[in-house]
Amino acid sequence: MTTTPDSVSRSKRVVEWLGLLALLVIVKAGFLIWDPGLRLFLGDSAHYLRAAMTEWQPPDRSVSYPWLVSAAVWMRSGLALVLIQTAMGIASCVLVFRLLRVEAGTRFRVALLAATLVALEPAQLFYERMLMAEAAGLLALLVFLVVVSRYVSTGMRRWVALFVMAGLVVVSLRMSLLPVVLGLSIFAPLLRYAMRSHAGAAKVRQRDPVTHLLWVWAMLSGAHLGYQHLYGAAMGCAPAYLCNEAQMRLGLVAPLVRPEHLAQVGLPVTLLDRLAYPIADPHSREAQMWGSGGLWMVLRHEVGEERARELGRRIASDTLRSNPIGFVWMGLNTLRGYVNGDEAAARLADDAGARRPDVALLKITGAALGVDAVPLSDEGVGRWFAIGRWWLPLALLVTAPLALLVLHGMWRSSDVKPGALSSARQR
């Protein structure tokens, strides 16, 4: 029997994928043997557990993650949740490999190294053991990126519908990723057009990017508006991504709120005098959002829940419009906090579980998942997470510039032909 080059190539690809999967399973299994313990993050984990056990849904957190937790509750096993999220971690690594090997056309060793580093990444390993939506959210985000890459490679409109739907799953799990989903969705047709033009695609029509932009905009607007209305109907609130969206928006811009912003919506300016925390302190934003004497709670006490949601959105919008530079400056100061040694250490310790769950939460966890104790913050993977103290802010700072460098390299490369660029040449 004659062996063709295509069959050899297919066999090589199969060996690559099987080798990748075997390596990832071995790595993850080793960490599971070392530390299989489920971890809790106080209020967030308690809300997800309550949602998984009852018909109640959290108004300020993911409404889809409790479905995953409910599977572990059904099995009454915290280890089951850790295993599910570990499998999600393996799937995330596989998608990283695919993005680099198939879509970007990098060498096998480069893609394998990247996938392995993700498998070993401290935060990834830690959140696979945390009753939080991060592991599921990352997997959803990578699915979204793969589908966007397929659209950029092929230009086929069916991929638009798929990446719009994938984006909604991302948002349902991790609301903080909404700007990423919206921005990349709108940018995808422009990237597609730029790749085709650069690759010398024959007679690229000027209306091509406009047509695709309109198609993406229509799909995106319809899907997201539909999602907000369905969410609002299910949760008993106005159409939104989260019922408590106004609370979070107001807390985000709280240090920039001034008396005139309250006066513009008919509120007494003396309301700011009732706050238990200094309004201008950027470090008090969480307290303004959640604290009993914070801006949101004082506003809600003044006008009631529904009216507070309406006025909170208006105050947040007026504040941002009146001082956009201040908002940017506040963001830069927040970014500086990630490299401030004391502040970063305190945040990391809090994430790692330095504040122990109370007896009530442990009792609920024991009844629902058979978990009577959780690891200390410096035990097992928590120790590895602490080692990543400087790695995490470094990754935050260098990811965007590194992505731009990779894109620039793909653009200029003539030896390595990325999947998206190669497909564009064929169209």
Protein backbone atom coordinates (compact mmCIF):
# COMPACT_ATOMS: atom_id res chain seq x y z
CA MET A 1 0.00 0.00 0.00
CA THR A 2 1.41 3.36 -1.06
CA THR A 3 1.71 6.04 1.60
CA THR A 4 0.75 9.47 0.29
CA PRO A 5 2.12 12.76 1.64
CA ASP A 6 -1.39 13.66 2.81
CA SER A 7 -1.73 10.48 4.85
CA VAL A 8 1.71 11.03 6.40
CA SER A 9 0.72 14.58 7.27
CA ARG A 10 -2.55 13.41 8.81
CA SER A 11 -0.75 10.76 10.84
CA LYS A 12 1.74 13.35 12.07
CA ARG A 13 -1.09 15.66 13.16
CA VAL A 14 -2.81 12.81 15.02
CA VAL A 15 0.44 11.99 16.84
CA GLU A 16 0.84 15.68 17.75
CA TRP A 17 -2.66 15.95 19.21
CA LEU A 18 -2.43 12.65 21.08
CA GLY A 19 0.97 13.62 22.50
CA LEU A 20 -0.41 16.98 23.61
CA LEU A 21 -3.43 15.39 25.29
CA ALA A 22 -1.31 12.76 27.06
CA LEU A 23 1.08 15.42 28.38
CA LEU A 24 -1.76 17.61 29.66
CA VAL A 25 -3.48 14.69 31.40
CA ILE A 26 -0.23 13.69 33.11
CA VAL A 27 0.45 17.27 34.28
CA LYS A 28 -3.07 17.82 35.59
CA ALA A 29 -3.22 14.39 37.24
CA GLY A 30 0.03 15.12 39.07
CA PHE A 31 -1.37 18.35 40.49
CA LEU A 32 -4.64 16.62 41.41
CA ILE A 33 -2.73 14.00 43.41
CA TRP A 34 -0.82 16.78 45.14
CA ASP A 35 -3.88 18.93 45.87
CA PRO A 36 -7.48 17.85 45.08
CA GLY A 37 -9.03 20.24 47.62
CA LEU A 38 -11.97 22.50 46.78
CA ARG A 39 -11.58 26.14 47.82
CA LEU A 40 -14.16 28.81 48.63
CA PHE A 41 -14.18 32.55 48.11
CA LEU A 42 -16.60 33.75 50.77
CA GLY A 43 -19.64 35.57 49.33
CA ASP A 44 -19.14 34.52 45.72
CA SER A 45 -18.95 30.82 46.46
CA ALA A 46 -21.84 31.05 48.91
CA HIS A 47 -24.04 32.70 46.28
CA TYR A 48 -23.19 30.07 43.67
CA LEU A 49 -23.88 27.26 46.13
CA ARG A 50 -27.23 28.76 47.11
CA ALA A 51 -28.19 29.16 43.44
CA ALA A 52 -27.21 25.55 42.70
CA MET A 53 -29.29 24.25 45.61
CA THR A 54 -32.41 26.42 45.20
CA GLU A 55 -34.37 28.30 42.55
CA TRP A 56 -32.79 31.60 43.61
CA GLN A 57 -30.34 33.23 41.18
CA PRO A 58 -27.66 35.80 42.11
CA PRO A 59 -28.53 39.29 40.79
CA ASP A 60 -24.89 40.38 40.67
CA ARG A 61 -23.04 37.26 39.50
CA SER A 62 -23.06 34.65 36.75
CA VAL A 63 -26.40 32.91 36.27
CA SER A 64 -24.95 30.09 34.16
CA TYR A 65 -22.11 28.94 36.45
CA PRO A 66 -24.56 27.59 39.11
CA TRP A 67 -25.71 25.04 36.49
CA LEU A 68 -22.20 23.58 36.60
CA VAL A 69 -22.13 23.64 40.38
CA SER A 70 -25.50 21.88 40.48
CA ALA A 71 -23.90 18.84 38.81
CA ALA A 72 -21.45 18.57 41.71
CA VAL A 73 -24.28 19.15 44.21
CA TRP A 74 -26.24 16.33 42.56
CA MET A 75 -23.23 14.05 43.09
CA ARG A 76 -22.63 15.60 46.54
CA SER A 77 -18.95 15.82 45.72
CA GLY A 78 -16.62 18.80 45.87
CA LEU A 79 -14.01 16.64 44.14
CA ALA A 80 -16.43 16.25 41.22
CA LEU A 81 -16.42 20.02 40.71
CA VAL A 82 -12.61 20.09 40.86
CA LEU A 83 -12.45 17.28 38.27
CA ILE A 84 -14.94 19.02 35.98
CA GLN A 85 -13.00 22.27 36.14
CA THR A 86 -9.70 20.42 35.66
CA ALA A 87 -11.15 18.90 32.48
CA MET A 88 -12.09 22.43 31.44
CA GLY A 89 -8.51 23.46 32.11
CA ILE A 90 -7.25 20.69 29.81
CA ALA A 91 -9.72 21.79 27.13
CA SER A 92 -8.47 25.38 27.50
CA CYS A 93 -4.87 24.24 26.93
CA VAL A 94 -5.95 22.28 23.85
CA LEU A 95 -7.61 25.40 22.44
CA VAL A 96 -4.48 27.45 23.11
CA PHE A 97 -2.52 24.84 21.16
CA ARG A 98 -5.06 24.98 18.32
CA LEU A 99 -4.97 28.78 18.15
CA LEU A 100 -1.20 28.74 17.81
CA ARG A 101 -0.70 25.59 15.74
CA VAL A 102 -3.68 25.78 13.37
CA GLU A 103 -4.77 29.41 13.27
CA ALA A 104 -1.40 31.13 13.69
CA GLY A 105 0.64 28.40 11.98
CA THR A 106 3.39 28.27 14.61
CA ARG A 107 5.72 25.32 15.00
CA PHE A 108 4.63 22.32 17.03
CA ARG A 109 7.18 22.88 19.77
CA VAL A 110 6.13 26.50 20.23
CA ALA A 111 2.43 25.62 20.45
CA LEU A 112 3.15 22.69 22.77
CA LEU A 113 5.26 24.86 25.07
CA ALA A 114 2.53 27.51 25.27
CA ALA A 115 -0.18 24.94 26.05
CA THR A 116 2.02 23.36 28.73
CA LEU A 117 2.73 26.73 30.34
CA VAL A 118 -1.00 27.43 30.52
CA ALA A 119 -1.49 24.03 32.18
CA LEU A 120 1.12 24.99 34.79
CA GLU A 121 0.01 28.60 35.21
CA PRO A 122 -0.57 29.35 38.94
CA ALA A 123 -3.92 31.15 38.61
CA GLN A 124 -5.26 28.53 36.20
CA LEU A 125 -4.46 25.69 38.59
CA PHE A 126 -5.81 27.62 41.54
CA TYR A 127 -9.15 28.51 39.94
CA GLU A 128 -9.67 24.94 38.78
CA ARG A 129 -10.02 24.23 42.51
CA MET A 130 -12.09 27.30 43.34
CA LEU A 131 -15.89 27.41 43.51
CA MET A 132 -15.82 30.35 41.13
CA ALA A 133 -16.63 30.89 37.44
CA GLU A 134 -13.07 31.67 36.27
CA ALA A 135 -12.11 28.24 34.86
CA ALA A 136 -15.38 27.92 32.94
CA GLY A 137 -15.14 31.55 31.81
CA LEU A 138 -11.64 31.06 30.39
CA LEU A 139 -12.74 28.01 28.42
CA ALA A 140 -15.70 29.93 27.00
CA LEU A 141 -13.42 32.83 26.07
CA LEU A 142 -11.01 30.52 24.23
CA VAL A 143 -13.90 28.92 22.32
CA PHE A 144 -14.96 32.44 21.34
CA LEU A 145 -11.41 33.27 20.16
CA VAL A 146 -11.17 30.09 18.10
CA VAL A 147 -14.48 30.80 16.37
CA VAL A 148 -13.48 34.42 15.70
CA SER A 149 -10.24 33.09 14.19
CA ARG A 150 -12.22 30.75 11.95
CA TYR A 151 -14.26 33.70 10.72
CA VAL A 152 -11.12 35.74 10.03
CA SER A 153 -9.64 32.78 8.15
CA THR A 154 -12.67 31.94 6.01
CA GLY A 155 -14.87 35.02 5.94
CA MET A 156 -17.93 32.73 6.11
CA ARG A 157 -20.87 34.41 7.80
CA ARG A 158 -21.99 31.31 9.64
CA TRP A 159 -18.98 31.79 11.91
CA VAL A 160 -20.36 35.20 12.87
CA ALA A 161 -23.48 33.61 14.35
CA LEU A 162 -21.33 31.10 16.20
CA PHE A 163 -18.91 33.63 17.69
CA VAL A 164 -21.80 35.91 18.71
CA MET A 165 -23.41 32.99 20.56
CA ALA A 166 -20.07 32.00 22.08
CA GLY A 167 -19.62 35.58 23.22
CA LEU A 168 -22.94 35.48 25.06
CA VAL A 169 -21.81 32.36 26.91
CA VAL A 170 -18.64 34.22 27.91
CA VAL A 171 -20.65 37.18 29.22
CA SER A 172 -23.04 34.89 31.11
CA LEU A 173 -20.05 33.45 32.96
CA ARG A 174 -17.75 36.47 33.30
CA MET A 175 -19.44 39.86 32.97
CA SER A 176 -16.05 41.58 33.18
CA LEU A 177 -15.20 40.16 29.74
CA LEU A 178 -18.05 42.04 28.02
CA PRO A 179 -15.74 44.78 26.59
CA VAL A 180 -13.44 42.06 25.18
CA VAL A 181 -16.34 40.24 23.53
CA LEU A 182 -17.89 43.39 22.02
CA GLY A 183 -14.58 44.92 20.94
CA LEU A 184 -13.20 41.81 19.26
CA SER A 185 -16.54 41.05 17.60
CA ILE A 186 -16.61 44.47 15.93
CA PHE A 187 -12.90 44.32 15.10
CA ALA A 188 -13.11 40.88 13.43
CA PRO A 189 -14.44 42.07 10.01
CA LEU A 190 -11.75 44.77 9.85
CA LEU A 191 -9.04 42.23 10.66
CA ARG A 192 -10.47 39.90 8.00
CA TYR A 193 -10.40 42.64 5.39
CA ALA A 194 -6.86 43.70 6.34
CA MET A 195 -5.60 40.09 6.09
CA ARG A 196 -7.17 39.59 2.67
CA SER A 197 -5.80 42.87 1.36
CA HIS A 198 -2.32 42.14 2.68
CA ALA A 199 -2.39 38.62 1.23
CA GLY A 200 -3.20 40.03 -2.20
CA ALA A 201 -6.73 38.63 -2.47
CA ALA A 202 -8.03 39.32 -5.95
CA LYS A 203 -10.26 42.38 -6.28
CA VAL A 204 -11.13 42.93 -2.65
CA ARG A 205 -14.23 45.07 -2.91
CA GLN A 206 -14.41 48.26 -0.90
CA ARG A 207 -17.91 47.39 0.28
CA ASP A 208 -16.75 44.03 1.64
CA PRO A 209 -15.75 45.24 5.13
CA VAL A 210 -18.85 47.44 5.31
CA THR A 211 -21.15 44.53 4.46
CA HIS A 212 -19.49 42.29 7.03
CA LEU A 213 -19.47 45.05 9.66
CA LEU A 214 -23.21 45.58 9.18
CA TRP A 215 -23.82 41.84 9.40
CA VAL A 216 -21.78 41.54 12.60
CA TRP A 217 -23.45 44.62 14.08
CA ALA A 218 -26.93 43.31 13.32
CA MET A 219 -26.19 39.86 14.76
CA LEU A 220 -24.43 41.30 17.80
CA SER A 221 -27.13 43.87 18.58
CA GLY A 222 -30.00 41.42 18.13
CA ALA A 223 -28.38 38.67 20.19
CA HIS A 224 -27.29 40.90 23.06
CA LEU A 225 -30.57 42.79 23.26
CA GLY A 226 -32.40 39.47 23.22
CA TYR A 227 -30.14 38.14 25.97
CA GLN A 228 -30.76 41.19 28.14
CA HIS A 229 -34.53 40.92 27.75
CA LEU A 230 -34.54 37.18 28.50
CA TYR A 231 -32.30 37.74 31.52
CA GLY A 232 -34.50 40.56 32.80
CA ALA A 233 -37.66 38.49 32.37
CA ALA A 234 -36.12 35.51 34.17
CA MET A 235 -34.72 37.62 37.02
CA GLY A 236 -37.68 39.98 37.41
CA CYS A 237 -35.76 43.15 36.62
CA ALA A 238 -35.37 45.55 33.69
CA PRO A 239 -33.49 44.19 30.64
CA ALA A 240 -29.79 44.06 31.56
CA TYR A 241 -26.73 41.84 31.69
CA LEU A 242 -27.00 41.86 35.50
CA CYS A 243 -29.83 43.06 37.73
CA ASN A 244 -27.31 44.87 39.92
CA GLU A 245 -25.54 46.43 36.96
CA ALA A 246 -26.30 49.95 38.21
CA GLN A 247 -24.78 49.13 41.59
CA MET A 248 -21.53 48.01 40.00
CA ARG A 249 -21.35 50.93 37.57
CA LEU A 250 -21.94 53.40 40.36
CA GLY A 251 -19.27 51.78 42.53
CA LEU A 252 -16.83 51.84 39.63
CA VAL A 253 -17.04 55.64 39.22
CA ALA A 254 -17.81 56.48 42.88
CA PRO A 255 -14.59 58.47 43.56
CA LEU A 256 -15.57 60.84 40.73
CA VAL A 257 -19.14 61.48 41.91
CA ARG A 258 -19.74 65.09 42.95
CA PRO A 259 -22.74 66.88 44.51
CA GLU A 260 -23.80 68.30 41.14
CA HIS A 261 -24.24 64.79 39.76
CA LEU A 262 -26.79 64.06 42.48
CA ALA A 263 -28.52 67.39 41.94
CA GLN A 264 -28.92 66.63 38.22
CA VAL A 265 -31.15 63.64 39.03
CA GLY A 266 -33.10 65.38 41.80
CA LEU A 267 -31.29 63.91 44.80
CA PRO A 268 -30.23 65.96 47.84
CA VAL A 269 -26.51 66.73 47.73
CA THR A 270 -26.36 66.09 51.47
CA LEU A 271 -26.65 62.37 50.66
CA LEU A 272 -22.86 62.30 50.27
CA ASP A 273 -22.51 63.46 53.88
CA ARG A 274 -24.16 60.24 55.07
CA LEU A 275 -21.52 57.95 53.61
CA ALA A 276 -19.38 55.91 55.97
CA TYR A 277 -16.42 56.00 53.57
CA PRO A 278 -14.68 58.98 51.88
CA ILE A 279 -16.20 59.32 48.42
CA ALA A 280 -12.97 60.57 46.78
CA ASP A 281 -10.85 57.61 47.97
CA PRO A 282 -10.32 55.17 45.07
CA HIS A 283 -9.57 52.39 47.56
CA SER A 284 -13.12 52.66 48.92
CA ARG A 285 -14.85 51.69 45.68
CA GLU A 286 -15.71 48.18 46.85
CA ALA A 287 -17.06 49.59 50.08
CA GLN A 288 -19.14 52.15 48.14
CA MET A 289 -20.54 49.27 46.11
CA TRP A 290 -21.20 46.69 48.86
CA GLY A 291 -20.78 48.31 52.26
CA SER A 292 -23.77 49.12 54.48
CA GLY A 293 -22.65 52.75 54.63
CA GLY A 294 -21.54 52.91 51.01
CA LEU A 295 -22.94 55.04 48.21
CA TRP A 296 -25.17 52.31 46.78
CA MET A 297 -26.76 51.29 50.07
CA VAL A 298 -27.37 54.91 51.09
CA LEU A 299 -28.94 55.62 47.71
CA ARG A 300 -31.14 52.53 47.95
CA HIS A 301 -32.28 53.50 51.43
CA GLU A 302 -33.13 56.96 50.12
CA VAL A 303 -35.25 56.03 47.09
CA GLY A 304 -35.83 52.27 47.12
CA GLU A 305 -34.36 49.39 45.04
CA GLU A 306 -35.95 50.03 41.62
CA ARG A 307 -35.53 53.80 41.69
CA ALA A 308 -31.93 53.37 42.87
CA ARG A 309 -31.18 51.22 39.82
CA GLU A 310 -32.52 53.90 37.49
CA LEU A 311 -30.78 56.79 39.22
CA GLY A 312 -27.58 54.81 39.72
CA ARG A 313 -27.21 54.28 35.97
CA ARG A 314 -27.87 57.97 35.29
CA ILE A 315 -25.42 59.17 37.94
CA ALA A 316 -22.73 56.79 36.66
CA SER A 317 -23.24 57.95 33.05
CA ASP A 318 -23.26 61.65 33.98
CA THR A 319 -20.14 61.21 36.10
CA LEU A 320 -18.24 59.44 33.34
CA ARG A 321 -19.26 62.01 30.71
CA SER A 322 -18.24 64.92 32.93
CA ASN A 323 -14.79 63.54 33.79
CA PRO A 324 -13.50 60.90 31.34
CA ILE A 325 -9.87 61.91 31.99
CA GLY A 326 -10.36 61.36 35.69
CA PHE A 327 -11.71 57.88 35.00
CA VAL A 328 -8.67 57.02 32.89
CA TRP A 329 -6.34 58.38 35.57
CA MET A 330 -8.15 56.35 38.21
CA GLY A 331 -7.68 53.25 36.06
CA LEU A 332 -3.95 53.92 35.78
CA ASN A 333 -3.72 54.29 39.56
CA THR A 334 -5.52 50.97 39.92
CA LEU A 335 -3.02 49.41 37.53
CA ARG A 336 -0.19 50.80 39.63
CA GLY A 337 -1.64 48.93 42.60
CA TYR A 338 -0.89 45.63 40.88
CA VAL A 339 2.85 46.31 41.14
CA ASN A 340 2.72 47.87 44.59
CA GLY A 341 4.29 45.20 46.80
CA ASP A 342 2.15 45.59 49.92
CA GLU A 343 -1.13 46.10 48.08
CA ALA A 344 -0.49 43.24 45.66
CA ALA A 345 0.44 40.90 48.50
CA ALA A 346 -2.75 41.77 50.42
CA ARG A 347 -4.92 41.18 47.35
CA LEU A 348 -3.20 37.90 46.57
CA ALA A 349 -3.60 36.67 50.13
CA ASP A 350 -7.29 37.55 50.05
CA ASP A 351 -7.79 35.64 46.78
CA ALA A 352 -5.85 32.67 48.16
CA GLY A 353 -8.20 32.37 51.11
CA ALA A 354 -6.43 34.11 53.97
CA ARG A 355 -9.90 35.06 55.24
CA ARG A 356 -11.30 31.74 56.31
CA PRO A 357 -14.89 30.76 55.44
CA ASP A 358 -17.22 31.06 58.40
CA VAL A 359 -18.85 28.09 60.10
CA ALA A 360 -22.18 28.69 58.32
CA LEU A 361 -20.61 28.53 54.85
CA LEU A 362 -18.61 25.41 55.73
CA LYS A 363 -21.78 23.79 57.01
CA ILE A 364 -23.60 24.53 53.76
CA THR A 365 -20.62 23.26 51.74
CA GLY A 366 -20.52 20.08 53.77
CA ALA A 367 -24.21 19.41 53.22
CA ALA A 368 -24.12 20.20 49.50
CA LEU A 369 -20.71 18.87 48.43
CA GLY A 370 -19.49 16.66 51.25
CA VAL A 371 -16.65 19.09 51.98
CA ASP A 372 -16.12 19.70 55.68
CA ALA A 373 -12.85 21.64 55.45
CA VAL A 374 -10.97 23.65 52.84
CA PRO A 375 -7.19 23.91 52.40
CA LEU A 376 -5.31 26.78 54.00
CA SER A 377 -4.13 29.60 51.73
CA ASP A 378 -0.52 28.37 51.81
CA GLU A 379 -1.26 24.69 51.25
CA GLY A 380 -0.95 22.76 47.98
CA VAL A 381 -1.76 24.81 44.89
CA GLY A 382 -2.27 27.83 47.15
CA ARG A 383 1.49 27.85 47.68
CA TRP A 384 2.07 27.75 43.93
CA PHE A 385 -0.48 30.58 43.51
CA ALA A 386 1.45 32.70 46.01
CA ILE A 387 4.68 32.14 44.06
CA GLY A 388 2.92 33.73 41.07
CA ARG A 389 2.63 37.06 42.88
CA TRP A 390 4.80 38.89 40.34
CA TRP A 391 3.88 36.70 37.41
CA LEU A 392 0.22 37.78 37.48
CA PRO A 393 0.76 41.57 37.17
CA LEU A 394 3.52 40.92 34.62
CA ALA A 395 1.09 38.90 32.50
CA LEU A 396 -1.47 41.70 32.80
CA LEU A 397 1.01 44.30 31.59
CA VAL A 398 2.72 42.43 28.75
CA THR A 399 -0.16 40.47 27.21
CA ALA A 400 -1.50 43.26 24.99
CA PRO A 401 1.92 44.40 23.66
CA LEU A 402 2.91 40.76 23.09
CA ALA A 403 -0.29 40.12 21.14
CA LEU A 404 0.42 43.14 18.94
CA LEU A 405 3.96 41.88 18.31
CA VAL A 406 2.65 38.44 17.33
CA LEU A 407 0.12 40.02 14.98
CA HIS A 408 2.85 42.17 13.47
CA GLY A 409 5.04 39.10 13.00
CA MET A 410 2.22 37.24 11.27
CA TRP A 411 1.67 40.24 9.04
CA ARG A 412 5.28 40.48 7.90
CA SER A 413 6.21 36.80 7.83
CA SER A 414 6.80 35.21 4.45
CA ASP A 415 8.27 31.93 5.72
CA VAL A 416 5.60 30.93 8.25
CA LYS A 417 2.14 31.27 6.77
CA PRO A 418 -0.48 31.62 9.49
CA GLY A 419 -3.77 29.80 9.03
CA ALA A 420 -5.74 33.01 8.67
CA LEU A 421 -3.33 34.49 6.14
CA SER A 422 -3.02 31.27 4.16
CA SER A 423 -6.80 30.95 3.92
CA ALA A 424 -7.07 34.54 2.82
CA ARG A 425 -4.64 33.86 -0.07
CA GLN A 426 -6.86 31.07 -1.31
CA ARG A 427 -10.02 33.19 -1.48
